[in-house]
Protein backbone atom coordinates (compact mmCIF):
# COMPACT_ATOMS: atom_id res chain seq x y z
CA UNK A 1 0.00 0.00 0.00
CA UNK A 2 2.76 2.53 0.90
CA UNK A 3 4.80 3.78 -2.06
CA UNK A 4 7.06 6.73 -1.27
CA UNK A 5 9.37 7.62 0.28
CA UNK A 6 10.71 4.08 0.58
CA UNK A 7 11.24 2.88 4.13
CA UNK A 8 14.66 3.85 5.43
CA UNK A 9 15.05 6.88 3.12
CA UNK A 10 17.55 9.49 4.35
CA UNK A 11 17.07 13.12 3.33
CA UNK A 12 19.54 15.98 3.60
CA UNK A 13 17.51 18.85 2.14
CA UNK A 14 16.12 21.83 4.02
CA UNK A 15 13.38 22.87 4.38
CA UNK A 16 12.21 19.36 5.22
CA UNK A 17 9.28 19.31 2.77
CA UNK A 18 8.16 15.69 2.54
CA UNK A 19 5.61 14.08 0.25
CA UNK A 20 4.10 10.73 1.20
CA UNK A 21 2.27 8.57 -1.31
CA UNK A 22 0.37 5.29 -1.22
CA UNK A 23 -1.78 3.09 -3.43
CA UNK A 24 -5.54 3.65 -3.57
CA UNK A 25 -7.70 1.27 -1.54
CA UNK A 26 -10.97 0.05 -3.01
CA UNK A 27 -13.92 1.43 -1.04
CA UNK A 28 -11.92 4.24 0.57
CA UNK A 29 -13.71 7.58 0.88
CA UNK A 30 -10.74 9.23 2.62
CA UNK A 31 -7.41 8.34 4.20
CA UNK A 32 -5.78 9.11 7.53
CA UNK A 33 -2.02 9.62 7.77
CA UNK A 34 -0.13 9.34 11.04
CA UNK A 35 3.37 10.81 11.25
CA UNK A 36 5.60 9.96 14.19
CA UNK A 37 8.82 11.61 15.30
CA UNK A 38 11.71 10.11 17.25
CA UNK A 39 12.68 12.25 20.22
CA UNK A 40 9.88 14.84 19.81
CA UNK A 41 7.75 13.72 22.76
CA UNK A 42 10.38 12.07 24.95
CA UNK A 43 14.11 11.43 24.85
CA UNK A 44 15.08 8.47 22.66
CA UNK A 45 11.46 7.39 22.12
CA UNK A 46 8.83 7.53 19.41
CA UNK A 47 5.80 9.62 20.40
CA UNK A 48 3.48 6.65 19.89
CA UNK A 49 5.64 4.53 22.23
CA UNK A 50 4.72 6.84 25.10
CA UNK A 51 1.03 7.11 24.16
CA UNK A 52 1.20 10.41 22.29
CA UNK A 53 0.50 11.43 18.71
CA UNK A 54 2.95 13.67 16.91
CA UNK A 55 0.73 14.39 13.88
CA UNK A 56 -2.44 12.80 12.53
CA UNK A 57 -4.17 14.13 9.42
CA UNK A 58 -7.69 12.93 8.66
CA UNK A 59 -10.03 13.24 5.69
CA UNK A 60 -7.35 13.19 2.99
CA UNK A 61 -9.10 12.64 -0.34
CA UNK A 62 -6.02 11.91 -2.45
CA UNK A 63 -3.28 9.30 -2.17
CA UNK A 64 -0.57 11.84 -1.34
CA UNK A 65 0.16 14.16 1.55
CA UNK A 66 2.87 16.85 1.72
CA UNK A 67 4.13 18.43 4.94
CA UNK A 68 7.21 19.98 6.54
CA UNK A 69 8.89 17.56 8.92
CA UNK A 70 9.78 18.89 12.35
CA UNK A 71 13.54 18.35 12.62
CA UNK A 72 16.82 16.68 11.74
CA UNK A 73 15.89 13.31 13.21
CA UNK A 74 14.12 10.04 12.38
CA UNK A 75 10.46 9.97 11.47
CA UNK A 76 7.97 7.32 10.45
CA UNK A 77 4.56 7.24 8.85
CA UNK A 78 1.59 4.99 8.20
CA UNK A 79 -1.78 5.34 6.53
CA UNK A 80 -5.22 3.74 6.57
CA UNK A 81 -8.36 4.01 4.50
CA UNK A 82 -11.69 5.20 5.89
CA UNK A 83 -14.93 4.16 4.16
CA UNK A 84 -17.96 6.38 3.44
CA UNK A 85 -19.49 5.43 6.82
CA UNK A 86 -16.40 6.55 8.73
CA UNK A 87 -15.14 3.03 9.43
CA UNK A 88 -11.34 2.83 9.44
CA UNK A 89 -9.55 0.03 7.65
CA UNK A 90 -6.39 -1.66 8.80
CA UNK A 91 -3.33 0.48 9.39
CA UNK A 92 -0.32 -0.01 7.15
CA UNK A 93 3.03 -0.93 8.63
CA UNK A 94 5.24 1.95 9.72
CA UNK A 95 7.76 3.17 7.13
CA UNK A 96 10.73 5.15 8.39
CA UNK A 97 12.68 8.11 7.05
CA UNK A 98 15.20 10.52 8.52
CA UNK A 99 16.54 14.00 8.00
CA UNK A 100 20.20 14.83 8.52
CA UNK A 101 19.75 18.61 8.61
């Protein structure tokens, strides 16, 4: 389902403008993207590992999402489809990326 950036991608550009893309899911009315950040919510931890959400974007109608990542550190993302009745589908696996500056 996830397409780009490939898991493990390292970026060195600034500003940290990042575009995520994924395959369409049959029956999806919208998509939700969750972006996690290593070290943003607690030292040496992912936000989700301590019960927090770094960024969640709902009601995306396309199969891409562009944002500015928070810092020169690791990040990860996942996506899931939501049907016309508001029922979420299964979440994708996390894919990681990192920024060096």
